[in-house]
Amino acid sequence: MKDGVKIVTIGGGSSYTPELIEGFIKRYSELPVKELWLVDIEAGREKLEIVGSMAKRMVKAAGIDCEIHLTLDRREALRDADFVTTQFRVGLLDARIKDERIPLSHGMIGQETNGAGGMFKAFRTIPVILDIVSDMRELCPNAWLINFTNPAGMVTEAVLRYGNWEKVIGLCNVPIGAVKSASAVLGKPEEDLFFKFAGINHLHWHRIFDKDGTELTEKVIDGLYAPGANPEKVVENIKDMRFLYEQVKHLKMLPCPYHRYYYMTDNMLKDEMKAFQEEGTRGEVVKRLEESLFELYKDPNLDYKPEELSKRGGAHYSDAACEIINSIYNDKGTKMVVSTRNNGAIDDVPYESAVEITSIIGAHGAEPINFGKFAPAERGLLQVMKAMEELTIEAAVTGDYATALQAFTLNPLVPSGDIAKEVLDELLEAHKEHLPQFFVKQQA
């Protein structure tokens, strides 16, 4: 790879961007980022200018030789890029709020990456990521795509299956939080532990071992979920509701925080409905938080990432993206949990599908560590959810209504029959502007 790296961040006006800048600054001695292009759309121009000015202040304060470019022209930015990171939200936070409010108004889970809302986020996002890949094929055919746009697993699989782009890695911050949580329970440094994750994005399980090979999984389960345990909160944007201790003990693996939507659906729905009535959806809360963050970012004296960003719900995302890029650039062989092609690492899902799994990251990308088979308790849910993902991705690409309805029917968080169709129709109409694939065919 050439001396000096060009990185393009699509969704550059995101509130997460300062963490990305911080990550590149602290790795500059081994990852010399010479050009960083922050790209956004017209609707995000103001945020891009605010966060872009802050990024320039951060780079200047660090004293590194890195040019920050701000643009609304994606193609201009992509030319000859080495790495492209994606952190965009089609329809902005208003679209997320619709994804949450409409299902909740029908008495079902309203969440940005799970249930009906998560599927609609995929419907809007996947055509855009495939357009980006098409531009990359023309303008930067050797670049790596590092995606942390949600739903990260489905977006990554769409790039692999329909974009035919092999140089892609998906990223989520949830495993990072799980590692920190287990480390705190055990009182051991993260580097003294080995974590074996497997599953799909927002639906993975993991086991934990020490340097002697002793398994510590059950010890962590006890520390987190036994009666009387008082663990720290792992993920900012998910209600910290206690899993059923006996159930998790039976798994002999640690579930990710999002499993609460599947293992404790009724309680999670009651809590969401209460919050919906009292303070609005999580998207509405985040919108208020983002407004306060951008007020902070406007401060001409602010040249570092503020602590308030950690409350946004995506802490560590951007830093992990920097480490993936660093590990590819320097062929470091870092162990990280990422979304990548399964290639047989998990027996229970298709070979060509994207899975979220502990992998070795080097110059050729992510090499998943073999996991094998799941027990029935994990395998059943995993296979249903993977099939739902495959249908959702197909519907996003084709705009086929029946395929979308089938995905709704399969999703455990969406009641089947007439109510599924009613919510599907209402969400399609609400997001019509961003879902041309579903409407062009109907008009033809």
Protein backbone atom coordinates (compact mmCIF):
# COMPACT_ATOMS: atom_id res chain seq x y z
CA MET A 1 0.00 0.00 0.00
CA LYS A 2 1.18 3.52 -0.76
CA ASP A 3 2.84 5.69 1.85
CA GLY A 4 0.15 7.85 3.36
CA VAL A 5 -3.46 6.76 3.50
CA LYS A 6 -6.60 8.32 2.00
CA ILE A 7 -9.77 7.59 3.96
CA VAL A 8 -13.31 8.58 3.00
CA THR A 9 -16.07 8.69 5.62
CA ILE A 10 -19.60 8.67 4.20
CA GLY A 11 -21.90 10.22 6.76
CA GLY A 12 -19.06 12.50 7.81
CA GLY A 13 -21.43 14.90 9.57
CA SER A 14 -22.29 12.22 12.13
CA SER A 15 -21.97 12.97 15.83
CA TYR A 16 -19.62 9.95 16.00
CA THR A 17 -17.00 11.57 13.75
CA PRO A 18 -14.94 13.11 16.61
CA GLU A 19 -14.29 9.59 17.95
CA LEU A 20 -13.13 8.56 14.49
CA ILE A 21 -10.73 11.50 14.37
CA GLU A 22 -9.45 10.69 17.86
CA GLY A 23 -8.84 7.09 16.76
CA PHE A 24 -6.80 8.13 13.74
CA ILE A 25 -4.81 10.67 15.78
CA LYS A 26 -3.71 8.14 18.38
CA ARG A 27 -2.69 5.63 15.68
CA TYR A 28 -0.97 8.14 13.42
CA SER A 29 2.54 6.79 14.02
CA GLU A 30 1.57 3.44 12.45
CA LEU A 31 -1.41 4.53 10.32
CA PRO A 32 -0.38 7.75 8.52
CA VAL A 33 -3.71 9.19 7.39
CA LYS A 34 -2.74 12.00 5.01
CA GLU A 35 -6.23 12.73 3.65
CA LEU A 36 -9.57 12.31 5.41
CA TRP A 37 -12.63 13.20 3.35
CA LEU A 38 -15.87 13.74 5.26
CA VAL A 39 -18.85 13.29 2.92
CA ASP A 40 -22.50 14.09 3.56
CA ILE A 41 -25.68 15.07 1.74
CA GLU A 42 -27.31 18.49 1.40
CA ALA A 43 -29.62 17.82 4.36
CA GLY A 44 -26.55 17.17 6.49
CA ARG A 45 -24.54 20.20 5.31
CA GLU A 46 -24.79 22.17 8.58
CA LYS A 47 -23.74 19.21 10.74
CA LEU A 48 -20.90 18.42 8.32
CA GLU A 49 -19.56 21.95 8.60
CA ILE A 50 -19.80 21.92 12.42
CA VAL A 51 -18.17 18.54 12.92
CA GLY A 52 -15.71 19.16 10.07
CA SER A 53 -14.46 22.35 11.72
CA MET A 54 -14.06 20.46 14.97
CA ALA A 55 -12.15 17.68 13.18
CA LYS A 56 -9.74 20.28 11.77
CA ARG A 57 -9.22 21.70 15.27
CA MET A 58 -8.52 18.21 16.64
CA VAL A 59 -5.94 17.46 13.93
CA LYS A 60 -4.27 20.84 14.42
CA ALA A 61 -4.11 20.36 18.21
CA ALA A 62 -2.54 16.93 17.68
CA GLY A 63 0.10 18.40 15.39
CA ILE A 64 -0.26 15.73 12.70
CA ASP A 65 0.03 16.12 8.94
CA CYS A 66 -3.51 15.24 7.88
CA GLU A 67 -5.74 17.21 5.54
CA ILE A 68 -9.45 17.23 6.33
CA HIS A 69 -11.74 17.74 3.31
CA LEU A 70 -15.50 18.40 3.54
CA THR A 71 -17.70 17.69 0.54
CA LEU A 72 -21.22 16.87 -0.60
CA ASP A 73 -19.78 15.22 -3.72
CA ARG A 74 -19.28 11.54 -2.93
CA ARG A 75 -17.63 10.71 -6.23
CA GLU A 76 -15.06 13.47 -5.83
CA ALA A 77 -14.15 12.08 -2.43
CA LEU A 78 -13.96 8.40 -3.45
CA ARG A 79 -11.38 8.75 -6.21
CA ASP A 80 -8.26 6.71 -5.29
CA ALA A 81 -9.38 6.12 -1.71
CA ASP A 82 -7.66 3.35 0.29
CA PHE A 83 -10.45 2.89 2.83
CA VAL A 84 -14.10 3.92 2.87
CA THR A 85 -16.05 3.99 6.13
CA THR A 86 -19.83 4.27 6.18
CA GLN A 87 -21.88 5.69 9.07
CA PHE A 88 -24.95 7.16 7.40
CA ARG A 89 -28.67 7.10 8.18
CA VAL A 90 -31.05 7.28 5.22
CA GLY A 91 -33.87 9.61 6.17
CA LEU A 92 -31.91 10.94 9.16
CA LEU A 93 -33.23 10.55 12.72
CA ASP A 94 -36.79 11.39 11.62
CA ALA A 95 -36.83 8.08 9.75
CA ARG A 96 -35.68 6.23 12.86
CA ILE A 97 -38.47 7.83 14.87
CA LYS A 98 -41.03 6.55 12.33
CA ASP A 99 -39.46 3.07 12.55
CA GLU A 100 -40.07 3.17 16.29
CA ARG A 101 -43.39 5.01 16.58
CA ILE A 102 -45.39 3.13 13.94
CA PRO A 103 -44.78 -0.42 15.29
CA LEU A 104 -45.28 0.82 18.89
CA SER A 105 -48.61 2.37 17.87
CA HIS A 106 -49.68 -1.16 16.86
CA GLY A 107 -48.50 -2.69 20.13
CA MET A 108 -45.27 -4.24 18.90
CA ILE A 109 -41.56 -3.64 19.50
CA GLY A 110 -40.38 -0.40 17.87
CA GLN A 111 -36.60 -0.47 17.62
CA GLU A 112 -34.10 0.78 15.07
CA THR A 113 -32.39 -2.53 14.24
CA ASN A 114 -34.87 -5.16 15.48
CA GLY A 115 -38.39 -6.05 14.41
CA ALA A 116 -40.29 -4.06 11.78
CA GLY A 117 -38.20 -0.92 12.28
CA GLY A 118 -34.94 -2.78 11.75
CA MET A 119 -36.21 -4.30 8.51
CA PHE A 120 -37.25 -0.89 7.21
CA LYS A 121 -33.86 0.54 8.06
CA ALA A 122 -32.42 -2.23 5.88
CA PHE A 123 -34.90 -1.50 3.07
CA ARG A 124 -33.75 2.15 2.98
CA THR A 125 -30.04 1.53 3.53
CA ILE A 126 -29.16 -1.40 1.27
CA PRO A 127 -29.88 0.32 -2.09
CA VAL A 128 -27.66 3.23 -0.99
CA ILE A 129 -24.76 1.02 0.10
CA LEU A 130 -24.96 -0.79 -3.25
CA ASP A 131 -24.78 2.57 -5.06
CA ILE A 132 -21.68 3.40 -3.01
CA VAL A 133 -20.13 0.07 -3.97
CA SER A 134 -20.88 0.80 -7.63
CA ASP A 135 -19.00 4.12 -7.33
CA MET A 136 -16.12 2.40 -5.53
CA ARG A 137 -15.80 -0.18 -8.29
CA GLU A 138 -15.21 2.68 -10.73
CA LEU A 139 -13.26 5.17 -8.59
CA CYS A 140 -11.33 3.17 -5.97
CA PRO A 141 -11.45 -0.50 -7.01
CA ASN A 142 -8.81 -1.56 -4.46
CA ALA A 143 -10.36 0.14 -1.43
CA TRP A 144 -11.68 -1.58 1.67
CA LEU A 145 -15.22 -0.81 2.82
CA ILE A 146 -15.58 -0.68 6.61
CA ASN A 147 -19.28 -0.45 7.39
CA PHE A 148 -20.83 0.53 10.69
CA THR A 149 -24.13 1.68 9.25
CA ASN A 150 -26.92 -0.34 10.86
CA PRO A 151 -28.26 -2.95 10.47
CA ALA A 152 -24.56 -3.75 10.05
CA GLY A 153 -24.88 -7.49 9.41
CA MET A 154 -27.54 -7.18 6.71
CA VAL A 155 -25.73 -4.27 5.06
CA THR A 156 -22.50 -6.30 4.98
CA GLU A 157 -24.29 -9.34 3.55
CA ALA A 158 -25.93 -7.20 0.85
CA VAL A 159 -22.50 -5.90 -0.20
CA LEU A 160 -21.17 -9.48 -0.39
CA ARG A 161 -24.20 -11.08 -2.11
CA TYR A 162 -25.54 -8.33 -4.34
CA GLY A 163 -22.63 -5.90 -4.59
CA ASN A 164 -20.14 -8.73 -5.25
CA TRP A 165 -17.61 -6.72 -3.25
CA GLU A 166 -15.33 -8.96 -1.21
CA LYS A 167 -13.31 -6.24 0.51
CA VAL A 168 -15.92 -5.41 3.14
CA ILE A 169 -16.01 -5.76 6.92
CA GLY A 170 -18.99 -4.89 9.11
CA LEU A 171 -18.60 -3.53 12.59
CA CYS A 172 -20.69 -3.19 15.75
CA ASN A 173 -19.83 -1.80 19.17
CA VAL A 174 -21.90 -4.33 21.17
CA PRO A 175 -19.13 -6.98 21.42
CA ILE A 176 -16.74 -4.30 22.68
CA GLY A 177 -19.15 -3.50 25.51
CA ALA A 178 -19.49 -7.22 26.29
CA VAL A 179 -15.70 -7.60 26.55
CA LYS A 180 -15.45 -4.63 28.91
CA SER A 181 -18.31 -5.96 31.02
CA ALA A 182 -16.78 -9.44 31.41
CA SER A 183 -13.38 -7.95 32.18
CA ALA A 184 -14.94 -5.88 34.98
CA VAL A 185 -16.81 -8.89 36.44
CA LEU A 186 -13.65 -11.04 36.44
CA GLY A 187 -11.33 -8.28 37.59
CA LYS A 188 -8.93 -9.20 34.79
CA PRO A 189 -7.50 -7.04 31.99
CA GLU A 190 -9.14 -7.56 28.60
CA GLU A 191 -5.81 -8.62 27.08
CA ASP A 192 -5.59 -11.54 29.55
CA LEU A 193 -8.85 -13.03 28.27
CA PHE A 194 -9.92 -14.73 25.04
CA PHE A 195 -13.46 -14.14 23.78
CA LYS A 196 -15.10 -16.46 21.27
CA PHE A 197 -18.10 -14.76 19.68
CA ALA A 198 -20.41 -16.28 17.07
CA GLY A 199 -23.82 -15.49 15.61
CA ILE A 200 -25.12 -12.60 13.54
CA ASN A 201 -25.17 -8.85 14.17
CA HIS A 202 -27.20 -8.05 17.30
CA LEU A 203 -27.82 -11.78 17.82
CA HIS A 204 -24.53 -13.37 18.89
CA TRP A 205 -23.39 -15.40 21.87
CA HIS A 206 -19.91 -15.72 23.35
CA ARG A 207 -17.64 -17.76 25.60
CA ILE A 208 -14.68 -16.54 27.64
CA PHE A 209 -11.34 -18.20 28.48
CA ASP A 210 -8.25 -17.13 30.41
CA LYS A 211 -4.63 -17.44 29.31
CA ASP A 212 -4.41 -20.95 30.78
CA GLY A 213 -7.33 -22.10 28.64
CA THR A 214 -9.72 -22.27 31.60
CA GLU A 215 -13.28 -21.41 30.61
CA LEU A 216 -14.74 -18.54 32.64
CA THR A 217 -18.10 -18.19 30.90
CA GLU A 218 -20.24 -19.50 33.76
CA LYS A 219 -18.38 -17.34 36.25
CA VAL A 220 -19.30 -14.27 34.18
CA ILE A 221 -22.92 -15.46 33.85
CA ASP A 222 -23.08 -15.66 37.64
CA GLY A 223 -21.46 -12.25 38.02
CA LEU A 224 -23.94 -10.64 35.63
CA TYR A 225 -27.23 -12.49 36.14
CA ALA A 226 -27.25 -14.47 39.41
CA PRO A 227 -29.70 -13.21 42.06
CA GLY A 228 -28.10 -10.24 43.78
CA ALA A 229 -25.63 -9.48 40.98
CA ASN A 230 -25.25 -5.77 40.22
CA PRO A 231 -23.38 -5.39 36.92
CA GLU A 232 -22.63 -2.14 35.13
CA LYS A 233 -24.79 -1.11 32.17
CA VAL A 234 -23.28 -2.45 28.91
CA VAL A 235 -25.20 -0.68 26.11
CA GLU A 236 -26.56 2.84 26.49
CA ASN A 237 -29.54 2.45 24.17
CA ILE A 238 -31.03 -0.83 25.50
CA LYS A 239 -33.00 -1.17 28.74
CA ASP A 240 -30.78 -3.00 31.21
CA MET A 241 -33.38 -5.64 32.05
CA ARG A 242 -32.18 -8.74 33.89
CA PHE A 243 -32.10 -11.96 31.84
CA LEU A 244 -33.64 -15.04 33.45
CA TYR A 245 -30.71 -16.59 35.29
CA GLU A 246 -31.78 -20.23 34.77
CA GLN A 247 -32.17 -19.71 31.04
CA VAL A 248 -28.76 -18.14 30.56
CA LYS A 249 -27.15 -20.83 32.72
CA HIS A 250 -28.67 -23.42 30.38
CA LEU A 251 -27.17 -21.65 27.34
CA LYS A 252 -23.67 -21.95 28.85
CA MET A 253 -22.92 -18.90 26.72
CA LEU A 254 -23.43 -15.18 27.21
CA PRO A 255 -26.16 -13.59 25.09
CA CYS A 256 -25.74 -10.10 23.65
CA PRO A 257 -27.89 -7.26 25.07
CA TYR A 258 -30.23 -7.35 22.06
CA HIS A 259 -31.31 -10.87 23.00
CA ARG A 260 -33.62 -9.17 25.50
CA TYR A 261 -35.94 -8.43 22.58
CA TYR A 262 -36.28 -12.18 21.91
CA TYR A 263 -35.83 -13.73 25.36
CA MET A 264 -37.91 -11.10 27.23
CA THR A 265 -40.20 -9.68 24.55
CA ASP A 266 -43.20 -8.92 26.77
CA ASN A 267 -41.17 -7.04 29.39
CA MET A 268 -39.21 -5.11 26.77
CA LEU A 269 -42.44 -4.15 24.99
CA LYS A 270 -44.05 -2.95 28.24
CA ASP A 271 -40.98 -0.85 28.98
CA GLU A 272 -40.90 0.61 25.45
CA MET A 273 -44.60 1.44 25.58
CA LYS A 274 -44.14 3.22 28.93
CA ALA A 275 -41.16 5.23 27.63
CA PHE A 276 -43.05 5.94 24.38
CA GLN A 277 -45.90 7.52 26.35
CA GLU A 278 -43.72 9.41 28.86
CA GLU A 279 -40.66 10.69 26.96
CA GLY A 280 -41.00 9.53 23.37
CA THR A 281 -39.09 6.85 21.51
CA ARG A 282 -35.35 6.27 21.81
CA GLY A 283 -34.94 8.08 18.47
CA GLU A 284 -36.60 11.18 19.91
CA VAL A 285 -34.32 11.03 22.97
CA VAL A 286 -31.27 10.65 20.68
CA LYS A 287 -32.41 13.58 18.54
CA ARG A 288 -32.42 15.81 21.63
CA LEU A 289 -29.03 14.45 22.69
CA GLU A 290 -27.58 15.07 19.22
CA GLU A 291 -28.77 18.68 19.29
CA SER A 292 -26.90 19.24 22.55
CA LEU A 293 -23.79 17.48 21.18
CA PHE A 294 -23.69 19.72 18.11
CA GLU A 295 -24.05 22.77 20.32
CA LEU A 296 -20.91 21.54 22.11
CA TYR A 297 -19.15 20.89 18.80
CA LYS A 298 -19.73 24.51 17.74
CA ASP A 299 -17.39 25.72 20.50
CA PRO A 300 -14.33 27.10 18.64
CA ASN A 301 -12.14 26.07 21.59
CA LEU A 302 -13.25 22.41 21.60
CA ASP A 303 -10.47 20.33 20.01
CA TYR A 304 -11.04 16.92 21.64
CA LYS A 305 -13.83 14.34 21.86
CA PRO A 306 -16.25 15.37 24.65
CA GLU A 307 -17.31 12.86 27.33
CA GLU A 308 -20.97 13.49 26.46
CA LEU A 309 -20.56 11.49 23.23
CA SER A 310 -20.48 8.25 25.24
CA LYS A 311 -24.19 8.75 26.08
CA ARG A 312 -25.10 8.68 22.37
CA GLY A 313 -25.31 4.85 22.39
CA GLY A 314 -22.51 4.01 19.96
CA ALA A 315 -19.40 4.35 22.08
CA HIS A 316 -16.28 2.60 20.70
CA TYR A 317 -17.71 2.17 17.16
CA SER A 318 -15.37 4.61 15.51
CA ASP A 319 -12.31 3.62 17.48
CA ALA A 320 -12.85 -0.01 16.48
CA ALA A 321 -13.14 1.07 12.83
CA CYS A 322 -9.75 2.77 13.13
CA GLU A 323 -8.25 -0.42 14.56
CA ILE A 324 -9.63 -2.54 11.70
CA ILE A 325 -8.08 -0.15 9.18
CA ASN A 326 -4.82 -0.18 11.13
CA SER A 327 -4.76 -3.98 11.26
CA ILE A 328 -5.38 -4.29 7.51
CA TYR A 329 -2.84 -1.60 6.63
CA ASN A 330 -0.13 -3.12 8.84
CA ASP A 331 -1.18 -6.78 8.54
CA LYS A 332 -1.35 -6.93 12.35
CA GLY A 333 -3.46 -10.06 12.83
CA THR A 334 -5.60 -8.40 15.51
CA LYS A 335 -8.45 -10.46 17.00
CA MET A 336 -11.73 -8.55 16.58
CA VAL A 337 -15.44 -9.36 16.40
CA VAL A 338 -16.72 -8.35 12.97
CA SER A 339 -19.35 -9.16 10.36
CA THR A 340 -17.77 -11.09 7.52
CA ARG A 341 -18.54 -13.96 5.16
CA ASN A 342 -19.21 -17.14 7.12
CA ASN A 343 -17.13 -19.45 4.91
CA GLY A 344 -18.22 -22.43 7.03
CA ALA A 345 -17.08 -21.01 10.38
CA ILE A 346 -20.60 -21.57 11.77
CA ASP A 347 -22.15 -24.83 10.58
CA ASP A 348 -25.72 -23.73 11.18
CA VAL A 349 -26.05 -20.90 8.63
CA PRO A 350 -25.29 -20.66 4.90
CA TYR A 351 -21.64 -20.62 3.83
CA GLU A 352 -22.03 -17.38 1.86
CA SER A 353 -23.96 -15.42 4.50
CA ALA A 354 -22.53 -12.72 6.76
CA VAL A 355 -21.97 -13.69 10.38
CA GLU A 356 -20.67 -11.75 13.36
CA ILE A 357 -17.75 -13.70 14.71
CA THR A 358 -14.33 -13.46 16.31
CA SER A 359 -11.88 -13.04 13.44
CA ILE A 360 -8.22 -12.38 12.72
CA ILE A 361 -7.81 -9.09 10.85
CA GLY A 362 -4.85 -8.82 8.47
CA ALA A 363 -3.91 -7.49 5.06
CA HIS A 364 -6.34 -9.84 3.30
CA GLY A 365 -9.24 -8.87 5.58
CA ALA A 366 -11.14 -10.87 8.20
CA GLU A 367 -10.41 -14.56 8.75
CA PRO A 368 -13.24 -15.95 10.93
CA ILE A 369 -12.22 -18.33 13.72
CA ASN A 370 -14.10 -21.61 13.36
CA PHE A 371 -16.98 -21.99 15.80
CA GLY A 372 -18.77 -25.15 14.66
CA LYS A 373 -22.32 -25.96 15.73
CA PHE A 374 -24.68 -24.32 18.17
CA ALA A 375 -26.89 -26.20 20.62
CA PRO A 376 -30.65 -26.25 19.82
CA ALA A 377 -31.51 -23.26 22.06
CA GLU A 378 -29.22 -20.97 20.08
CA ARG A 379 -29.46 -22.70 16.71
CA GLY A 380 -33.26 -22.41 16.40
CA LEU A 381 -33.37 -18.66 16.92
CA LEU A 382 -30.25 -18.07 14.84
CA GLN A 383 -31.60 -19.93 11.81
CA VAL A 384 -34.98 -18.16 11.92
CA MET A 385 -33.26 -14.78 12.17
CA LYS A 386 -30.78 -15.53 9.39
CA ALA A 387 -33.63 -16.59 7.08
CA MET A 388 -35.46 -13.37 7.98
CA GLU A 389 -32.30 -11.40 7.13
CA GLU A 390 -31.97 -13.12 3.74
CA LEU A 391 -35.57 -12.25 2.86
CA THR A 392 -35.18 -8.67 4.10
CA ILE A 393 -32.06 -8.15 1.98
CA GLU A 394 -33.79 -9.64 -1.09
CA ALA A 395 -36.81 -7.37 -0.57
CA ALA A 396 -34.54 -4.32 -0.17
CA VAL A 397 -32.83 -5.08 -3.49
CA THR A 398 -35.86 -6.15 -5.53
CA GLY A 399 -38.63 -4.02 -4.00
CA ASP A 400 -40.84 -7.12 -4.01
CA TYR A 401 -43.80 -6.65 -1.67
CA ALA A 402 -44.49 -10.35 -1.10
CA THR A 403 -40.86 -10.95 -0.11
CA ALA A 404 -41.07 -8.09 2.39
CA LEU A 405 -44.30 -9.52 3.82
CA GLN A 406 -42.66 -12.93 4.13
CA ALA A 407 -39.76 -11.36 6.05
CA PHE A 408 -42.27 -9.66 8.37
CA THR A 409 -44.07 -12.96 8.92
CA LEU A 410 -40.84 -14.72 9.85
CA ASN A 411 -39.60 -12.07 12.30
CA PRO A 412 -40.35 -13.15 15.91
CA LEU A 413 -41.04 -9.53 16.92
CA VAL A 414 -43.76 -8.97 14.30
CA PRO A 415 -47.21 -10.57 14.76
CA SER A 416 -48.21 -12.40 11.57
CA GLY A 417 -51.31 -12.08 9.44
CA ASP A 418 -53.32 -8.90 8.95
CA ILE A 419 -51.42 -6.84 11.53
CA ALA A 420 -48.09 -7.59 9.80
CA LYS A 421 -49.55 -6.44 6.50
CA GLU A 422 -51.07 -3.34 8.08
CA VAL A 423 -47.78 -2.26 9.68
CA LEU A 424 -45.83 -3.07 6.50
CA ASP A 425 -48.19 -0.91 4.45
CA GLU A 426 -48.09 1.97 6.95
CA LEU A 427 -44.28 1.95 7.10
CA LEU A 428 -44.01 1.76 3.30
CA GLU A 429 -46.19 4.83 2.97
CA ALA A 430 -44.34 6.68 5.74
CA HIS A 431 -40.95 6.04 4.09
CA LYS A 432 -42.12 6.30 0.47
CA GLU A 433 -39.56 9.00 -0.35
CA HIS A 434 -36.67 6.66 0.48
CA LEU A 435 -38.12 3.41 -0.94
CA PRO A 436 -38.49 3.93 -4.70
CA GLN A 437 -37.79 0.23 -5.36
CA PHE A 438 -41.17 -0.68 -3.82
CA PHE A 439 -43.18 1.95 -5.69
CA VAL A 440 -41.71 2.18 -9.20
CA LYS A 441 -42.79 -1.39 -9.98
CA GLN A 442 -46.32 -0.77 -8.72
CA GLN A 443 -46.69 2.23 -11.03
CA ALA A 444 -45.24 0.48 -14.09
